[in-house]
Amino acid sequence: MNFIIAIISAILAGWIASLLFRSIKLELGPVVYFFLGLIGGIFTGLIVKIFKIPFINGYLGDFILDVTGAIILLFIFSLIPKKEQTEEE
């Protein structure tokens, strides 16, 4: 049951992060939302553990970390310059 809750949490976290970070105009699917939330949660979870930052335990704390990490990943992604498409005739 915890595995299913973690998957749903990661998908929701990625989706919420994409809604909050609208400067990247992408249409992402549930799989991308899942990986965005999952990788973001792992990233922020490691930061919290490494620096021993006290944080909320349980599903709510994990969800907040997932959303925060996904927002950070979207921010980093927005800093990457995009290639301009050129038309070849």
Protein backbone atom coordinates (compact mmCIF):
# COMPACT_ATOMS: atom_id res chain seq x y z
CA MET A 1 0.00 0.00 0.00
CA ASN A 2 2.87 2.39 0.79
CA PHE A 3 4.26 1.82 -2.70
CA ILE A 4 0.98 2.85 -4.33
CA ILE A 5 0.75 5.95 -2.13
CA ALA A 6 4.35 6.87 -3.05
CA ILE A 7 3.58 6.56 -6.77
CA ILE A 8 0.44 8.68 -6.50
CA SER A 9 2.32 11.22 -4.37
CA ALA A 10 5.13 11.50 -6.93
CA ILE A 11 2.69 11.97 -9.82
CA LEU A 12 0.72 14.63 -7.93
CA ALA A 13 3.93 16.38 -6.86
CA GLY A 14 5.21 16.58 -10.43
CA TRP A 15 1.85 17.84 -11.67
CA ILE A 16 1.55 20.50 -8.95
CA ALA A 17 5.13 21.64 -9.57
CA SER A 18 4.41 22.02 -13.27
CA LEU A 19 1.31 24.09 -12.44
CA LEU A 20 3.28 26.31 -10.06
CA PHE A 21 6.17 26.74 -12.46
CA ARG A 22 4.37 27.94 -15.57
CA SER A 23 7.37 29.61 -17.26
CA ILE A 24 8.20 26.30 -18.91
CA LYS A 25 5.45 25.77 -21.44
CA LEU A 26 5.47 22.01 -21.73
CA GLU A 27 2.67 19.53 -21.79
CA LEU A 28 3.88 16.71 -19.63
CA GLY A 29 2.28 13.32 -19.21
CA PRO A 30 1.77 11.27 -16.05
CA VAL A 31 5.02 9.36 -16.59
CA VAL A 32 7.03 12.59 -16.70
CA TYR A 33 5.14 13.90 -13.64
CA PHE A 34 6.03 10.67 -11.83
CA PHE A 35 9.73 10.94 -12.59
CA LEU A 36 9.75 14.66 -11.86
CA GLY A 37 8.20 14.07 -8.43
CA LEU A 38 10.30 10.99 -7.74
CA ILE A 39 13.66 12.51 -8.65
CA GLY A 40 12.72 15.78 -6.93
CA GLY A 41 11.77 13.90 -3.77
CA ILE A 42 15.00 11.92 -3.76
CA PHE A 43 17.01 15.09 -4.33
CA THR A 44 15.39 17.09 -1.53
CA GLY A 45 15.28 14.05 0.75
CA LEU A 46 19.04 13.69 0.44
CA ILE A 47 19.57 17.38 1.13
CA VAL A 48 17.40 17.17 4.26
CA LYS A 49 19.31 14.10 5.51
CA ILE A 50 22.79 15.38 4.64
CA PHE A 51 22.30 18.71 6.39
CA LYS A 52 20.16 17.14 9.17
CA ILE A 53 17.33 19.62 8.62
CA PRO A 54 14.36 18.85 10.86
CA PHE A 55 11.28 18.28 8.73
CA ILE A 56 7.78 16.84 8.92
CA ASN A 57 7.70 13.04 8.95
CA GLY A 58 5.12 10.94 7.17
CA TYR A 59 3.22 11.25 3.93
CA LEU A 60 2.70 15.01 4.21
CA GLY A 61 6.41 15.68 4.70
CA ASP A 62 7.33 13.38 1.81
CA PHE A 63 4.78 15.08 -0.42
CA ILE A 64 6.10 18.56 0.43
CA LEU A 65 9.66 17.40 -0.30
CA ASP A 66 8.52 15.87 -3.61
CA VAL A 67 6.85 19.10 -4.73
CA THR A 68 9.80 21.22 -3.61
CA GLY A 69 12.28 18.99 -5.41
CA ALA A 70 10.19 18.95 -8.58
CA ILE A 71 10.04 22.76 -8.56
CA ILE A 72 13.81 22.91 -8.15
CA LEU A 73 14.26 20.49 -11.07
CA LEU A 74 11.94 22.56 -13.25
CA PHE A 75 13.90 25.68 -12.32
CA ILE A 76 17.18 24.02 -13.26
CA PHE A 77 15.60 22.79 -16.50
CA SER A 78 14.47 26.33 -17.32
CA LEU A 79 18.07 27.57 -17.09
CA ILE A 80 19.18 25.26 -19.89
CA PRO A 81 19.25 27.22 -23.15
CA LYS A 82 16.86 25.91 -25.75
CA LYS A 83 17.98 25.25 -29.30
CA GLU A 84 16.22 27.34 -31.86
CA GLN A 85 14.68 25.45 -34.72
CA THR A 86 15.85 26.60 -38.10
CA GLU A 87 13.91 26.03 -41.27
CA GLU A 88 15.88 24.44 -44.05
CA GLU A 89 14.61 25.14 -47.52
